[in-house]
Amino acid sequence: MARNDRSQEPLLSLRSAVVFLISLQAAAAAGFFTYASGNPLATAALAGGAAFGATVAFARSVIG
């Protein structure tokens, strides 16, 4: 009985990694610019989270 060696499989597919990285960059930019404009840190974090979610939804539909 052969065991499946899953140690060589990637953790994420290339498409998922690209979508995640694009979304992370958009979230960081939105959070930074929100904080830099004088808003509280909590508001900047919420703006970054919203940007992350919206960018994931958008990038999943665009990157095919």
PDB file of N, CA and C in Angstrom:
ATOM      1  N   MET A   1       0.841  -1.176   0.000  1.00  0.00           N
ATOM      2  CA  MET A   1       0.000   0.000   0.000  1.00  0.00           C
ATOM      3  C   MET A   1       0.890   1.245   0.000  1.00  0.00           C
ATOM      4  N   ALA A   2       0.760   2.050  -1.007  1.00  0.00           N
ATOM      5  CA  ALA A   2       1.595   3.237  -1.141  1.00  0.00           C
ATOM      6  C   ALA A   2       0.939   4.420  -0.429  1.00  0.00           C
ATOM      7  N   ARG A   3       1.764   5.164   0.248  1.00  0.00           N
ATOM      8  CA  ARG A   3       1.272   6.379   0.914  1.00  0.00           C
ATOM      9  C   ARG A   3       1.402   7.559  -0.033  1.00  0.00           C
ATOM     10  N   ASN A   4       0.445   8.443   0.030  1.00  0.00           N
ATOM     11  CA  ASN A   4       0.521   9.664  -0.768  1.00  0.00           C
ATOM     12  C   ASN A   4       1.474  10.640  -0.108  1.00  0.00           C
ATOM     13  N   ASP A   5       2.489  11.074  -0.859  1.00  0.00           N
ATOM     14  CA  ASP A   5       3.430  12.053  -0.338  1.00  0.00           C
ATOM     15  C   ASP A   5       2.968  13.433  -0.782  1.00  0.00           C
ATOM     16  N   ARG A   6       2.307  14.124   0.113  1.00  0.00           N
ATOM     17  CA  ARG A   6       1.749  15.436  -0.216  1.00  0.00           C
ATOM     18  C   ARG A   6       2.706  16.567   0.125  1.00  0.00           C
ATOM     19  N   SER A   7       3.932  16.234   0.533  1.00  0.00           N
ATOM     20  CA  SER A   7       4.871  17.284   0.916  1.00  0.00           C
ATOM     21  C   SER A   7       5.380  18.065  -0.293  1.00  0.00           C
ATOM     22  N   GLN A   8       5.249  17.523  -1.475  1.00  0.00           N
ATOM     23  CA  GLN A   8       5.727  18.206  -2.670  1.00  0.00           C
ATOM     24  C   GLN A   8       4.641  19.030  -3.354  1.00  0.00           C
ATOM     25  N   GLU A   9       3.409  18.922  -2.906  1.00  0.00           N
ATOM     26  CA  GLU A   9       2.320  19.697  -3.506  1.00  0.00           C
ATOM     27  C   GLU A   9       2.342  21.128  -2.988  1.00  0.00           C
ATOM     28  N   PRO A  10       2.018  22.092  -3.846  1.00  0.00           N
ATOM     29  CA  PRO A  10       1.979  23.482  -3.369  1.00  0.00           C
ATOM     30  C   PRO A  10       0.810  23.692  -2.415  1.00  0.00           C
ATOM     31  N   LEU A  11       1.001  24.605  -1.495  1.00  0.00           N
ATOM     32  CA  LEU A  11      -0.047  24.907  -0.517  1.00  0.00           C
ATOM     33  C   LEU A  11      -1.216  25.626  -1.173  1.00  0.00           C
ATOM     34  N   LEU A  12      -0.908  26.537  -2.097  1.00  0.00           N
ATOM     35  CA  LEU A  12      -1.917  27.279  -2.861  1.00  0.00           C
ATOM     36  C   LEU A  12      -1.616  27.122  -4.340  1.00  0.00           C
ATOM     37  N   SER A  13      -2.656  27.199  -5.139  1.00  0.00           N
ATOM     38  CA  SER A  13      -2.425  27.219  -6.574  1.00  0.00           C
ATOM     39  C   SER A  13      -1.853  28.581  -6.958  1.00  0.00           C
ATOM     40  N   LEU A  14      -1.287  28.662  -8.155  1.00  0.00           N
ATOM     41  CA  LEU A  14      -0.707  29.922  -8.607  1.00  0.00           C
ATOM     42  C   LEU A  14      -1.779  31.001  -8.695  1.00  0.00           C
ATOM     43  N   ARG A  15      -2.955  30.651  -9.182  1.00  0.00           N
ATOM     44  CA  ARG A  15      -4.051  31.615  -9.308  1.00  0.00           C
ATOM     45  C   ARG A  15      -4.471  32.150  -7.939  1.00  0.00           C
ATOM     46  N   SER A  16      -4.594  31.265  -6.966  1.00  0.00           N
ATOM     47  CA  SER A  16      -4.980  31.698  -5.622  1.00  0.00           C
ATOM     48  C   SER A  16      -3.919  32.596  -4.999  1.00  0.00           C
ATOM     49  N   ALA A  17      -2.656  32.287  -5.225  1.00  0.00           N
ATOM     50  CA  ALA A  17      -1.581  33.103  -4.675  1.00  0.00           C
ATOM     51  C   ALA A  17      -1.578  34.497  -5.302  1.00  0.00           C
ATOM     52  N   VAL A  18      -1.821  34.577  -6.601  1.00  0.00           N
ATOM     53  CA  VAL A  18      -1.848  35.883  -7.273  1.00  0.00           C
ATOM     54  C   VAL A  18      -3.026  36.713  -6.777  1.00  0.00           C
ATOM     55  N   VAL A  19      -4.192  36.091  -6.665  1.00  0.00           N
ATOM     56  CA  VAL A  19      -5.379  36.806  -6.156  1.00  0.00           C
ATOM     57  C   VAL A  19      -5.130  37.292  -4.736  1.00  0.00           C
ATOM     58  N   PHE A  20      -4.539  36.454  -3.904  1.00  0.00           N
ATOM     59  CA  PHE A  20      -4.261  36.825  -2.523  1.00  0.00           C
ATOM     60  C   PHE A  20      -3.273  37.986  -2.447  1.00  0.00           C
ATOM     61  N   LEU A  21      -2.204  37.938  -3.232  1.00  0.00           N
ATOM     62  CA  LEU A  21      -1.205  38.994  -3.167  1.00  0.00           C
ATOM     63  C   LEU A  21      -1.733  40.329  -3.692  1.00  0.00           C
ATOM     64  N   ILE A  22      -2.508  40.291  -4.768  1.00  0.00           N
ATOM     65  CA  ILE A  22      -3.109  41.527  -5.276  1.00  0.00           C
ATOM     66  C   ILE A  22      -4.048  42.120  -4.233  1.00  0.00           C
ATOM     67  N   SER A  23      -4.843  41.274  -3.608  1.00  0.00           N
ATOM     68  CA  SER A  23      -5.785  41.736  -2.586  1.00  0.00           C
ATOM     69  C   SER A  23      -5.064  42.287  -1.368  1.00  0.00           C
ATOM     70  N   LEU A  24      -3.978  41.656  -0.990  1.00  0.00           N
ATOM     71  CA  LEU A  24      -3.207  42.128   0.158  1.00  0.00           C
ATOM     72  C   LEU A  24      -2.596  43.497  -0.118  1.00  0.00           C
ATOM     73  N   GLN A  25      -2.109  43.703  -1.330  1.00  0.00           N
ATOM     74  CA  GLN A  25      -1.544  45.004  -1.682  1.00  0.00           C
ATOM     75  C   GLN A  25      -2.621  46.090  -1.699  1.00  0.00           C
ATOM     76  N   ALA A  26      -3.781  45.768  -2.225  1.00  0.00           N
ATOM     77  CA  ALA A  26      -4.868  46.750  -2.250  1.00  0.00           C
ATOM     78  C   ALA A  26      -5.322  47.087  -0.826  1.00  0.00           C
ATOM     79  N   ALA A  27      -5.384  46.089   0.041  1.00  0.00           N
ATOM     80  CA  ALA A  27      -5.793  46.316   1.429  1.00  0.00           C
ATOM     81  C   ALA A  27      -4.769  47.178   2.161  1.00  0.00           C
ATOM     82  N   ALA A  28      -3.495  46.912   1.937  1.00  0.00           N
ATOM     83  CA  ALA A  28      -2.450  47.701   2.591  1.00  0.00           C
ATOM     84  C   ALA A  28      -2.496  49.150   2.118  1.00  0.00           C
ATOM     85  N   ALA A  29      -2.686  49.350   0.830  1.00  0.00           N
ATOM     86  CA  ALA A  29      -2.758  50.722   0.308  1.00  0.00           C
ATOM     87  C   ALA A  29      -3.973  51.456   0.852  1.00  0.00           C
ATOM     88  N   ALA A  30      -5.117  50.791   0.872  1.00  0.00           N
ATOM     89  CA  ALA A  30      -6.328  51.437   1.379  1.00  0.00           C
ATOM     90  C   ALA A  30      -6.190  51.769   2.864  1.00  0.00           C
ATOM     91  N   GLY A  31      -5.650  50.849   3.629  1.00  0.00           N
ATOM     92  CA  GLY A  31      -5.452  51.101   5.048  1.00  0.00           C
ATOM     93  C   GLY A  31      -4.459  52.213   5.299  1.00  0.00           C
ATOM     94  N   PHE A  32      -3.366  52.220   4.555  1.00  0.00           N
ATOM     95  CA  PHE A  32      -2.357  53.255   4.731  1.00  0.00           C
ATOM     96  C   PHE A  32      -2.908  54.635   4.393  1.00  0.00           C
ATOM     97  N   PHE A  33      -3.567  54.746   3.249  1.00  0.00           N
ATOM     98  CA  PHE A  33      -4.079  56.060   2.841  1.00  0.00           C
ATOM     99  C   PHE A  33      -5.206  56.534   3.757  1.00  0.00           C
ATOM    100  N   THR A  34      -5.991  55.612   4.273  1.00  0.00           N
ATOM    101  CA  THR A  34      -7.034  56.004   5.213  1.00  0.00           C
ATOM    102  C   THR A  34      -6.423  56.538   6.504  1.00  0.00           C
ATOM    103  N   TYR A  35      -5.402  55.840   7.000  1.00  0.00           N
ATOM    104  CA  TYR A  35      -4.736  56.281   8.226  1.00  0.00           C
ATOM    105  C   TYR A  35      -3.979  57.590   7.997  1.00  0.00           C
ATOM    106  N   ALA A  36      -3.341  57.708   6.840  1.00  0.00           N
ATOM    107  CA  ALA A  36      -2.558  58.913   6.542  1.00  0.00           C
ATOM    108  C   ALA A  36      -3.442  60.147   6.391  1.00  0.00           C
ATOM    109  N   SER A  37      -4.707  59.946   6.079  1.00  0.00           N
ATOM    110  CA  SER A  37      -5.601  61.097   5.928  1.00  0.00           C
ATOM    111  C   SER A  37      -6.134  61.604   7.266  1.00  0.00           C
ATOM    112  N   GLY A  38      -5.711  60.970   8.355  1.00  0.00           N
ATOM    113  CA  GLY A  38      -6.070  61.481   9.673  1.00  0.00           C
ATOM    114  C   GLY A  38      -7.157  60.696  10.389  1.00  0.00           C
ATOM    115  N   ASN A  39      -7.583  59.583   9.827  1.00  0.00           N
ATOM    116  CA  ASN A  39      -8.607  58.758  10.473  1.00  0.00           C
ATOM    117  C   ASN A  39      -7.963  57.848  11.518  1.00  0.00           C
ATOM    118  N   PRO A  40      -8.743  57.377  12.481  1.00  0.00           N
ATOM    119  CA  PRO A  40      -8.199  56.467  13.494  1.00  0.00           C
ATOM    120  C   PRO A  40      -7.742  55.139  12.889  1.00  0.00           C
ATOM    121  N   LEU A  41      -6.893  54.444  13.633  1.00  0.00           N
ATOM    122  CA  LEU A  41      -6.338  53.176  13.165  1.00  0.00           C
ATOM    123  C   LEU A  41      -7.428  52.132  12.940  1.00  0.00           C
ATOM    124  N   ALA A  42      -8.439  52.115  13.784  1.00  0.00           N
ATOM    125  CA  ALA A  42      -9.531  51.148  13.622  1.00  0.00           C
ATOM    126  C   ALA A  42     -10.282  51.380  12.308  1.00  0.00           C
ATOM    127  N   THR A  43     -10.478  52.612  11.945  1.00  0.00           N
ATOM    128  CA  THR A  43     -11.136  52.934  10.677  1.00  0.00           C
ATOM    129  C   THR A  43     -10.279  52.491   9.505  1.00  0.00           C
ATOM    130  N   ALA A  44      -8.967  52.692   9.617  1.00  0.00           N
ATOM    131  CA  ALA A  44      -8.052  52.271   8.561  1.00  0.00           C
ATOM    132  C   ALA A  44      -8.054  50.751   8.417  1.00  0.00           C
ATOM    133  N   ALA A  45      -8.120  50.042   9.530  1.00  0.00           N
ATOM    134  CA  ALA A  45      -8.159  48.581   9.476  1.00  0.00           C
ATOM    135  C   ALA A  45      -9.450  48.094   8.826  1.00  0.00           C
ATOM    136  N   LEU A  46     -10.556  48.730   9.143  1.00  0.00           N
ATOM    137  CA  LEU A  46     -11.821  48.349   8.513  1.00  0.00           C
ATOM    138  C   LEU A  46     -11.822  48.647   7.015  1.00  0.00           C
ATOM    139  N   ALA A  47     -11.225  49.756   6.634  1.00  0.00           N
ATOM    140  CA  ALA A  47     -11.129  50.100   5.214  1.00  0.00           C
ATOM    141  C   ALA A  47     -10.247  49.090   4.486  1.00  0.00           C
ATOM    142  N   GLY A  48      -9.158  48.695   5.111  1.00  0.00           N
ATOM    143  CA  GLY A  48      -8.287  47.685   4.514  1.00  0.00           C
ATOM    144  C   GLY A  48      -8.978  46.341   4.375  1.00  0.00           C
ATOM    145  N   GLY A  49      -9.739  45.953   5.373  1.00  0.00           N
ATOM    146  CA  GLY A  49     -10.481  44.691   5.293  1.00  0.00           C
ATOM    147  C   GLY A  49     -11.532  44.707   4.210  1.00  0.00           C
ATOM    148  N   ALA A  50     -12.221  45.819   4.083  1.00  0.00           N
ATOM    149  CA  ALA A  50     -13.228  45.944   3.028  1.00  0.00           C
ATOM    150  C   ALA A  50     -12.575  45.924   1.654  1.00  0.00           C
ATOM    151  N   ALA A  51     -11.440  46.578   1.519  1.00  0.00           N
ATOM    152  CA  ALA A  51     -10.726  46.575   0.242  1.00  0.00           C
ATOM    153  C   ALA A  51     -10.227  45.182  -0.099  1.00  0.00           C
ATOM    154  N   PHE A  52      -9.777  44.432   0.911  1.00  0.00           N
ATOM    155  CA  PHE A  52      -9.313  43.060   0.678  1.00  0.00           C
ATOM    156  C   PHE A  52     -10.446  42.198   0.145  1.00  0.00           C
ATOM    157  N   GLY A  53     -11.594  42.255   0.801  1.00  0.00           N
ATOM    158  CA  GLY A  53     -12.731  41.441   0.365  1.00  0.00           C
ATOM    159  C   GLY A  53     -13.215  41.803  -1.024  1.00  0.00           C
ATOM    160  N   ALA A  54     -13.289  43.081  -1.295  1.00  0.00           N
ATOM    161  CA  ALA A  54     -13.754  43.513  -2.614  1.00  0.00           C
ATOM    162  C   ALA A  54     -12.760  43.136  -3.706  1.00  0.00           C
ATOM    163  N   THR A  55     -11.471  43.241  -3.398  1.00  0.00           N
ATOM    164  CA  THR A  55     -10.461  42.908  -4.396  1.00  0.00           C
ATOM    165  C   THR A  55     -10.405  41.407  -4.654  1.00  0.00           C
ATOM    166  N   VAL A  56     -10.620  40.586  -3.639  1.00  0.00           N
ATOM    167  CA  VAL A  56     -10.669  39.136  -3.855  1.00  0.00           C
ATOM    168  C   VAL A  56     -11.814  38.796  -4.798  1.00  0.00           C
ATOM    169  N   ALA A  57     -12.970  39.369  -4.539  1.00  0.00           N
ATOM    170  CA  ALA A  57     -14.128  39.086  -5.411  1.00  0.00           C
ATOM    171  C   ALA A  57     -13.874  39.553  -6.837  1.00  0.00           C
ATOM    172  N   PHE A  58     -13.279  40.726  -6.997  1.00  0.00           N
ATOM    173  CA  PHE A  58     -13.008  41.258  -8.325  1.00  0.00           C
ATOM    174  C   PHE A  58     -11.916  40.450  -9.038  1.00  0.00           C
ATOM    175  N   ALA A  59     -10.826  40.173  -8.345  1.00  0.00           N
ATOM    176  CA  ALA A  59      -9.706  39.478  -8.971  1.00  0.00           C
ATOM    177  C   ALA A  59     -10.056  38.050  -9.344  1.00  0.00           C
ATOM    178  N   ARG A  60     -10.880  37.399  -8.545  1.00  0.00           N
ATOM    179  CA  ARG A  60     -11.304  36.033  -8.895  1.00  0.00           C
ATOM    180  C   ARG A  60     -12.074  36.008 -10.192  1.00  0.00           C
ATOM    181  N   SER A  61     -12.863  37.041 -10.447  1.00  0.00           N
ATOM    182  CA  SER A  61     -13.648  37.055 -11.677  1.00  0.00           C
ATOM    183  C   SER A  61     -12.819  37.486 -12.885  1.00  0.00           C
ATOM    184  N   VAL A  62     -11.774  38.272 -12.666  1.00  0.00           N
ATOM    185  CA  VAL A  62     -10.972  38.782 -13.764  1.00  0.00           C
ATOM    186  C   VAL A  62      -9.858  37.806 -14.164  1.00  0.00           C
ATOM    187  N   ILE A  63      -9.171  37.262 -13.174  1.00  0.00           N
ATOM    188  CA  ILE A  63      -8.054  36.364 -13.452  1.00  0.00           C
ATOM    189  C   ILE A  63      -8.626  34.978 -13.758  1.00  0.00           C
ATOM    190  N   GLY A  64      -8.409  34.537 -14.948  1.00  0.00           N
ATOM    191  CA  GLY A  64      -9.013  33.272 -15.339  1.00  0.00           C
ATOM    192  C   GLY A  64      -8.024  32.309 -15.787  1.00  0.00           C
TER     193      GLY A  64
END
